Amino acid sequence: MSPFAPLQNDSFLRACLRQATDHTPVWLMRQAGRYLPEYCATRAKAGSFMGLATNVDFATEVTLQPLERYPLDASILFSDILTVPDAMGLGLSFAQGEGPRFAKNVRDEAAVAELAVPDMNKLR
């Protein structure tokens, strides 16, 4: 028995397998959900963008929000590429109106050697 609920819409998966579909599947890849009130509410609960991106429940919630609102066939798992260098010890922060910043810079081979290899068990 599969641990997953039965699919209600497999159009995107069938299209990926080059199988016939009754319509061209639509999927959503978005930079951010700032236009959705429910995204803003979830982000407020998370306390910060990184709180949103590093919490499985919050990330799942914002991944599914567009699917619940619009008749889409698939969505991209919510995350942020900057969570990787943050987990490697670069100290990511977001300055209001300025965007992301790292506490440490990687400018030479010695700095690369100092990067941490994340413990995957601690990231769960």
N, C-alpha and C. Protein backbone atom coordinates (compact mmCIF):
# COMPACT_ATOMS: atom_id res chain seq x y z
N MET A 1 0.84 -1.19 0.00
CA MET A 1 0.00 0.00 0.00
C MET A 1 0.88 1.25 0.00
N SER A 2 0.57 2.19 -0.84
CA SER A 2 1.34 3.43 -0.95
C SER A 2 1.08 4.34 0.24
N PRO A 3 2.13 5.02 0.75
CA PRO A 3 1.92 5.97 1.85
C PRO A 3 1.28 7.28 1.38
N PHE A 4 1.12 7.43 0.08
CA PHE A 4 0.58 8.66 -0.48
C PHE A 4 -0.90 8.51 -0.82
N ALA A 5 -1.63 9.59 -0.72
CA ALA A 5 -3.03 9.60 -1.12
C ALA A 5 -3.10 9.39 -2.63
N PRO A 6 -4.19 8.80 -3.13
CA PRO A 6 -4.33 8.62 -4.58
C PRO A 6 -4.32 9.98 -5.28
N LEU A 7 -3.69 10.02 -6.44
CA LEU A 7 -3.64 11.26 -7.21
C LEU A 7 -5.03 11.63 -7.71
N GLN A 8 -5.35 12.89 -7.59
CA GLN A 8 -6.61 13.38 -8.14
C GLN A 8 -6.40 13.96 -9.53
N ASN A 9 -5.15 14.28 -9.86
CA ASN A 9 -4.83 14.88 -11.14
C ASN A 9 -3.42 14.44 -11.51
N ASP A 10 -3.31 13.58 -12.51
CA ASP A 10 -1.99 13.12 -12.92
C ASP A 10 -1.61 13.62 -14.31
N SER A 11 -2.27 14.68 -14.76
CA SER A 11 -2.02 15.22 -16.11
C SER A 11 -0.56 15.60 -16.31
N PHE A 12 0.02 16.28 -15.34
CA PHE A 12 1.41 16.71 -15.47
C PHE A 12 2.35 15.51 -15.54
N LEU A 13 2.15 14.54 -14.67
CA LEU A 13 3.00 13.35 -14.68
C LEU A 13 2.88 12.58 -15.99
N ARG A 14 1.65 12.45 -16.50
CA ARG A 14 1.46 11.75 -17.78
C ARG A 14 2.15 12.51 -18.91
N ALA A 15 2.07 13.84 -18.90
CA ALA A 15 2.73 14.63 -19.93
C ALA A 15 4.25 14.46 -19.84
N CYS A 16 4.79 14.39 -18.62
CA CYS A 16 6.23 14.18 -18.45
C CYS A 16 6.66 12.83 -19.02
N LEU A 17 5.77 11.86 -18.98
CA LEU A 17 6.05 10.53 -19.53
C LEU A 17 5.68 10.43 -21.01
N ARG A 18 5.32 11.57 -21.60
CA ARG A 18 4.92 11.64 -23.01
C ARG A 18 3.69 10.81 -23.32
N GLN A 19 2.81 10.71 -22.33
CA GLN A 19 1.54 10.03 -22.52
C GLN A 19 0.47 11.07 -22.86
N ALA A 20 -0.60 10.61 -23.46
CA ALA A 20 -1.68 11.51 -23.86
C ALA A 20 -2.36 12.13 -22.64
N THR A 21 -2.73 13.39 -22.78
CA THR A 21 -3.51 14.09 -21.75
C THR A 21 -4.67 14.79 -22.44
N ASP A 22 -5.73 15.06 -21.71
CA ASP A 22 -6.89 15.72 -22.31
C ASP A 22 -6.71 17.23 -22.42
N HIS A 23 -5.65 17.76 -21.84
CA HIS A 23 -5.33 19.18 -21.95
C HIS A 23 -3.83 19.36 -21.71
N THR A 24 -3.32 20.50 -22.10
CA THR A 24 -1.92 20.80 -21.81
C THR A 24 -1.80 21.17 -20.34
N PRO A 25 -1.04 20.40 -19.58
CA PRO A 25 -0.95 20.69 -18.15
C PRO A 25 -0.31 22.05 -17.87
N VAL A 26 -0.79 22.66 -16.82
CA VAL A 26 -0.26 23.95 -16.38
C VAL A 26 0.39 23.73 -15.02
N TRP A 27 1.60 24.22 -14.88
CA TRP A 27 2.27 24.14 -13.59
C TRP A 27 2.75 25.51 -13.21
N LEU A 28 2.93 25.70 -11.94
CA LEU A 28 3.30 27.01 -11.42
C LEU A 28 4.69 26.96 -10.83
N MET A 29 5.55 27.85 -11.31
CA MET A 29 6.84 28.07 -10.68
C MET A 29 6.88 29.55 -10.38
N ARG A 30 6.92 29.87 -9.12
CA ARG A 30 6.82 31.27 -8.76
C ARG A 30 8.01 31.70 -7.95
N GLN A 31 8.35 32.95 -8.07
CA GLN A 31 9.44 33.52 -7.26
C GLN A 31 9.01 33.56 -5.80
N ALA A 32 7.82 34.05 -5.56
CA ALA A 32 7.30 34.13 -4.19
C ALA A 32 5.79 34.28 -4.27
N GLY A 33 5.15 33.99 -3.20
CA GLY A 33 3.69 34.08 -3.17
C GLY A 33 3.20 35.35 -2.52
N ARG A 34 4.00 36.38 -2.56
CA ARG A 34 3.64 37.62 -1.85
C ARG A 34 2.30 38.18 -2.28
N TYR A 35 1.81 37.78 -3.44
CA TYR A 35 0.52 38.28 -3.92
C TYR A 35 -0.65 37.53 -3.29
N LEU A 36 -0.39 36.42 -2.61
CA LEU A 36 -1.47 35.65 -1.99
C LEU A 36 -1.61 36.01 -0.52
N PRO A 37 -2.81 36.39 -0.10
CA PRO A 37 -3.01 36.70 1.32
C PRO A 37 -2.67 35.52 2.23
N GLU A 38 -2.97 34.30 1.78
CA GLU A 38 -2.68 33.13 2.60
C GLU A 38 -1.18 32.90 2.76
N TYR A 39 -0.40 33.23 1.72
CA TYR A 39 1.06 33.16 1.83
C TYR A 39 1.55 34.15 2.88
N CYS A 40 1.05 35.36 2.82
CA CYS A 40 1.46 36.39 3.79
C CYS A 40 1.12 35.97 5.21
N ALA A 41 -0.04 35.34 5.40
CA ALA A 41 -0.43 34.87 6.73
C ALA A 41 0.49 33.76 7.21
N THR A 42 0.85 32.84 6.32
CA THR A 42 1.75 31.75 6.70
C THR A 42 3.14 32.29 7.01
N ARG A 43 3.61 33.24 6.21
CA ARG A 43 4.92 33.84 6.47
C ARG A 43 4.93 34.55 7.81
N ALA A 44 3.84 35.21 8.15
CA ALA A 44 3.75 35.89 9.45
C ALA A 44 3.83 34.86 10.58
N LYS A 45 3.16 33.71 10.41
CA LYS A 45 3.23 32.65 11.42
C LYS A 45 4.66 32.12 11.55
N ALA A 46 5.37 32.04 10.42
CA ALA A 46 6.74 31.52 10.42
C ALA A 46 7.71 32.49 11.07
N GLY A 47 7.37 33.77 11.08
CA GLY A 47 8.21 34.77 11.73
C GLY A 47 9.27 35.39 10.84
N SER A 48 9.66 34.70 9.78
CA SER A 48 10.67 35.22 8.86
C SER A 48 10.64 34.37 7.60
N PHE A 49 11.31 34.85 6.57
CA PHE A 49 11.39 34.07 5.35
C PHE A 49 12.12 32.75 5.60
N MET A 50 13.23 32.79 6.33
CA MET A 50 13.97 31.56 6.60
C MET A 50 13.16 30.62 7.50
N GLY A 51 12.35 31.17 8.39
CA GLY A 51 11.46 30.33 9.19
C GLY A 51 10.48 29.60 8.31
N LEU A 52 10.05 30.26 7.25
CA LEU A 52 9.14 29.66 6.28
C LEU A 52 9.86 28.60 5.45
N ALA A 53 11.06 28.92 4.99
CA ALA A 53 11.79 28.03 4.09
C ALA A 53 12.39 26.81 4.79
N THR A 54 12.59 26.89 6.09
CA THR A 54 13.25 25.78 6.79
C THR A 54 12.31 24.95 7.64
N ASN A 55 11.03 25.24 7.61
CA ASN A 55 10.04 24.48 8.37
C ASN A 55 9.20 23.66 7.39
N VAL A 56 9.24 22.35 7.53
CA VAL A 56 8.55 21.46 6.59
C VAL A 56 7.07 21.78 6.48
N ASP A 57 6.41 22.02 7.59
CA ASP A 57 4.97 22.29 7.56
C ASP A 57 4.65 23.59 6.83
N PHE A 58 5.41 24.64 7.12
CA PHE A 58 5.17 25.92 6.45
C PHE A 58 5.51 25.83 4.96
N ALA A 59 6.62 25.18 4.62
CA ALA A 59 7.01 25.04 3.21
C ALA A 59 5.97 24.24 2.44
N THR A 60 5.43 23.19 3.05
CA THR A 60 4.38 22.40 2.42
C THR A 60 3.13 23.25 2.21
N GLU A 61 2.77 24.00 3.22
CA GLU A 61 1.58 24.85 3.15
C GLU A 61 1.68 25.85 1.99
N VAL A 62 2.81 26.54 1.86
CA VAL A 62 2.90 27.54 0.80
C VAL A 62 3.09 26.91 -0.57
N THR A 63 3.59 25.68 -0.62
CA THR A 63 3.67 24.96 -1.90
C THR A 63 2.26 24.64 -2.41
N LEU A 64 1.38 24.24 -1.51
CA LEU A 64 0.03 23.82 -1.90
C LEU A 64 -0.94 24.98 -2.09
N GLN A 65 -0.66 26.14 -1.54
CA GLN A 65 -1.61 27.25 -1.62
C GLN A 65 -2.03 27.61 -3.04
N PRO A 66 -1.11 27.75 -4.00
CA PRO A 66 -1.57 28.06 -5.36
C PRO A 66 -2.43 26.96 -5.97
N LEU A 67 -2.13 25.69 -5.62
CA LEU A 67 -2.93 24.58 -6.14
C LEU A 67 -4.35 24.60 -5.59
N GLU A 68 -4.49 25.08 -4.37
CA GLU A 68 -5.82 25.17 -3.77
C GLU A 68 -6.61 26.35 -4.32
N ARG A 69 -5.92 27.37 -4.77
CA ARG A 69 -6.57 28.59 -5.23
C ARG A 69 -6.88 28.55 -6.74
N TYR A 70 -5.98 27.96 -7.52
CA TYR A 70 -6.10 27.98 -8.98
C TYR A 70 -6.16 26.56 -9.53
N PRO A 71 -6.78 26.38 -10.70
CA PRO A 71 -6.88 25.03 -11.28
C PRO A 71 -5.58 24.63 -12.00
N LEU A 72 -4.51 24.46 -11.24
CA LEU A 72 -3.22 24.08 -11.79
C LEU A 72 -3.05 22.57 -11.73
N ASP A 73 -2.12 22.07 -12.49
CA ASP A 73 -1.86 20.64 -12.53
C ASP A 73 -0.66 20.22 -11.70
N ALA A 74 0.21 21.17 -11.37
CA ALA A 74 1.41 20.86 -10.59
C ALA A 74 1.96 22.15 -10.00
N SER A 75 2.84 21.98 -9.05
CA SER A 75 3.50 23.12 -8.43
C SER A 75 4.92 22.71 -8.09
N ILE A 76 5.76 23.69 -7.87
CA ILE A 76 7.15 23.44 -7.49
C ILE A 76 7.26 23.51 -5.97
N LEU A 77 7.99 22.60 -5.39
CA LEU A 77 8.18 22.59 -3.94
C LEU A 77 8.82 23.90 -3.50
N PHE A 78 8.22 24.53 -2.51
CA PHE A 78 8.74 25.80 -2.02
C PHE A 78 10.05 25.59 -1.30
N SER A 79 11.04 26.36 -1.67
CA SER A 79 12.32 26.39 -0.98
C SER A 79 13.04 27.64 -1.45
N ASP A 80 14.29 27.74 -1.11
CA ASP A 80 15.10 28.85 -1.59
C ASP A 80 16.52 28.35 -1.76
N ILE A 81 17.13 28.70 -2.86
CA ILE A 81 18.48 28.24 -3.17
C ILE A 81 19.48 28.69 -2.11
N LEU A 82 19.18 29.78 -1.42
CA LEU A 82 20.12 30.31 -0.44
C LEU A 82 20.14 29.51 0.87
N THR A 83 19.21 28.57 1.04
CA THR A 83 19.25 27.74 2.24
C THR A 83 20.49 26.83 2.24
N VAL A 84 21.02 26.51 1.06
CA VAL A 84 22.20 25.64 0.98
C VAL A 84 23.44 26.35 1.53
N PRO A 85 23.81 27.53 1.02
CA PRO A 85 24.98 28.19 1.61
C PRO A 85 24.78 28.57 3.08
N ASP A 86 23.55 28.83 3.48
CA ASP A 86 23.30 29.11 4.89
C ASP A 86 23.62 27.88 5.73
N ALA A 87 23.19 26.70 5.27
CA ALA A 87 23.47 25.46 5.99
C ALA A 87 24.97 25.14 6.01
N MET A 88 25.71 25.72 5.08
CA MET A 88 27.16 25.51 5.02
C MET A 88 27.92 26.51 5.89
N GLY A 89 27.18 27.34 6.64
CA GLY A 89 27.81 28.21 7.62
C GLY A 89 28.07 29.64 7.19
N LEU A 90 27.44 30.09 6.11
CA LEU A 90 27.70 31.46 5.65
C LEU A 90 26.87 32.52 6.35
N GLY A 91 25.90 32.11 7.17
CA GLY A 91 25.15 33.10 7.94
C GLY A 91 24.26 34.00 7.11
N LEU A 92 23.19 33.47 6.59
CA LEU A 92 22.26 34.22 5.74
C LEU A 92 21.33 35.08 6.58
N SER A 93 21.14 36.30 6.15
CA SER A 93 20.12 37.18 6.76
C SER A 93 19.50 38.00 5.64
N PHE A 94 18.34 38.55 5.93
CA PHE A 94 17.63 39.38 4.96
C PHE A 94 17.46 40.76 5.56
N ALA A 95 18.05 41.75 4.90
CA ALA A 95 17.92 43.14 5.34
C ALA A 95 16.71 43.75 4.64
N GLN A 96 15.83 44.37 5.42
CA GLN A 96 14.63 45.00 4.86
C GLN A 96 15.00 45.96 3.74
N GLY A 97 14.41 45.75 2.58
CA GLY A 97 14.64 46.63 1.44
C GLY A 97 15.96 46.41 0.73
N GLU A 98 16.78 45.46 1.20
CA GLU A 98 18.08 45.23 0.57
C GLU A 98 18.23 43.83 0.02
N GLY A 99 17.48 42.88 0.54
CA GLY A 99 17.61 41.52 0.07
C GLY A 99 18.57 40.71 0.92
N PRO A 100 18.99 39.53 0.41
CA PRO A 100 19.80 38.62 1.20
C PRO A 100 21.24 39.10 1.38
N ARG A 101 21.81 38.74 2.54
CA ARG A 101 23.21 39.03 2.84
C ARG A 101 23.81 37.83 3.56
N PHE A 102 25.09 37.61 3.31
CA PHE A 102 25.82 36.57 4.02
C PHE A 102 26.79 37.22 5.00
N ALA A 103 26.91 36.64 6.19
CA ALA A 103 27.84 37.15 7.20
C ALA A 103 29.29 36.87 6.79
N LYS A 104 29.51 35.74 6.10
CA LYS A 104 30.85 35.37 5.65
C LYS A 104 30.89 35.42 4.12
N ASN A 105 32.03 35.80 3.59
CA ASN A 105 32.25 35.78 2.15
C ASN A 105 33.16 34.62 1.79
N VAL A 106 32.98 34.10 0.60
CA VAL A 106 33.85 33.05 0.08
C VAL A 106 34.59 33.66 -1.10
N ARG A 107 35.84 34.02 -0.84
CA ARG A 107 36.63 34.71 -1.87
C ARG A 107 37.90 33.96 -2.28
N ASP A 108 38.22 32.88 -1.56
CA ASP A 108 39.44 32.16 -1.90
C ASP A 108 39.29 30.68 -1.50
N GLU A 109 40.31 29.92 -1.85
CA GLU A 109 40.27 28.48 -1.59
C GLU A 109 40.21 28.16 -0.10
N ALA A 110 40.85 28.97 0.71
CA ALA A 110 40.82 28.74 2.16
C ALA A 110 39.40 28.89 2.70
N ALA A 111 38.66 29.86 2.19
CA ALA A 111 37.27 30.05 2.62
C ALA A 111 36.40 28.88 2.18
N VAL A 112 36.68 28.32 1.01
CA VAL A 112 35.94 27.14 0.55
C VAL A 112 36.22 25.96 1.49
N ALA A 113 37.48 25.80 1.89
CA ALA A 113 37.85 24.70 2.78
C ALA A 113 37.17 24.82 4.14
N GLU A 114 36.81 26.03 4.56
CA GLU A 114 36.16 26.25 5.85
C GLU A 114 34.65 25.99 5.82
N LEU A 115 34.08 25.82 4.63
CA LEU A 115 32.64 25.59 4.54
C LEU A 115 32.26 24.29 5.23
N ALA A 116 31.17 24.32 5.94
CA ALA A 116 30.68 23.14 6.63
C ALA A 116 29.94 22.24 5.65
N VAL A 117 30.06 20.94 5.85
CA VAL A 117 29.24 19.98 5.12
C VAL A 117 28.04 19.71 6.01
N PRO A 118 26.85 20.13 5.58
CA PRO A 118 25.67 20.00 6.44
C PRO A 118 25.38 18.56 6.83
N ASP A 119 24.99 18.38 8.08
CA ASP A 119 24.53 17.09 8.57
C ASP A 119 23.06 16.97 8.18
N MET A 120 22.79 16.09 7.23
CA MET A 120 21.44 15.97 6.69
C MET A 120 20.42 15.61 7.77
N ASN A 121 20.82 14.88 8.80
CA ASN A 121 19.89 14.52 9.87
C ASN A 121 19.45 15.74 10.68
N LYS A 122 20.32 16.73 10.79
CA LYS A 122 19.97 17.95 11.53
C LYS A 122 19.08 18.88 10.70
N LEU A 123 19.08 18.69 9.39
CA LEU A 123 18.30 19.55 8.51
C LEU A 123 16.86 19.08 8.35
N ARG A 124 16.51 17.96 8.90
CA ARG A 124 15.15 17.42 8.74
C ARG A 124 14.19 18.07 9.68
